[in-house]
């Protein structure tokens, strides 16, 4: 009975309003408490032996339902209790949903799901297995990181568009970084249905790509279509093949990052299914340019595109985390220096334009800037730098940047 519900056994998400707990049987609603469950409403379709997380659309629908219940006239004065079962998989996915609601409403409550600071964790019915706790922490940290990076905002999230294009018959496409990196499954030589599975020719993607300013396409699998069909339509096509289930070489990682950094628009990336190889390289970009941890990158990609990066590719991303962070620092230092140099050149140019002496020689600083304007580290695109070399470079860049202010 609801009257027998022990509030102390539940995690409080919104003070005096929203709670999360695990019970064997969902109690009946009472005058003061409304119980609800998501276990049967939101179900994960596994790819291998994985069991989650639920995707971005499911998180959006869950958050919308909770918000509606909190605002509803029939439940606005009741305590809402999200009840999940003791099944570890269902419990983990339910905890991710309630955590997503907390994140979307800017509530730092993830720790309450497994709070052990008062030595009550072992007594709480919502306490989760250690492995599940680790997974939850990763997921709950990836969501705030994605929100902070501007990847998702549930107030403006277009859930209908997400659900439409994630379907195989509509292209099997998901934005990992909206407006920048799109993951999708491989186009085929011609559109057809193979054993009930829709396959799409390159031309099927043209309208979406043009609408969303996709300028570059990266293929990571063997050739299943003629790249010239993309090129003749105005897209730049890149081949960076490596074996299915394997990890990319340092050369491929550098080339991929260079493509993404140089593309004037968004980059659409695919392997055969658009999951493993695709997610591995996109994860490298997330770590380098947005300082995601490897775990956060994998969690975010699986939320956007379930099934991404499962297997030895996970260990690869973990091994690359530190070096990609350093590369990102170098990249940003170089960008900052180039911006400062460009501003200084413009200032000197304006000064020269206003000079009455048309035959004067350029100032020493102007000549120096002209001389070094084309300097870059692009020649090192295919070179591996040691950690110490990169540290020295960052130090030099920071010193030069400071001294030119």
Foldseek 3Di string as FASTA:
>chain_A
DVVPDDPVLWQDLDPPAETEFEDADFDPDDQAEDEDECLVVFADDDDPPDGDAGAPLVLLVLLVVVVCQCVPPSRVRHHYYYYFYPPQSSLLNRLLSSLSNSVLVVHPRNCSQQPCPVPCNVVHRSRHDPVSNVLSVLLSVLVNLCVVVVQDHSVPDPSVVLVQCCDQVNFNKFDLRQWAEIFTADAAADWDADPNGTHHHPVSCVVVCVVSVAAEEEEAEDDRHDCVVVVVVRHHYYYLYDDPPDEHDPLSLLVLLVCSVPDPTYYYYYYHGRAEHVLLSVLLVCLQASVRALSSSVSSVCNRRNRHHDDCSSVVSNVCNVVSPLNSLLVVLVVLVLVLLVVVLVVQVVVLVPDPDVPDDRDPVNVVSVVCNPDDCVVCSRPDDDPVRSVVSSVVSVVVSVVSD
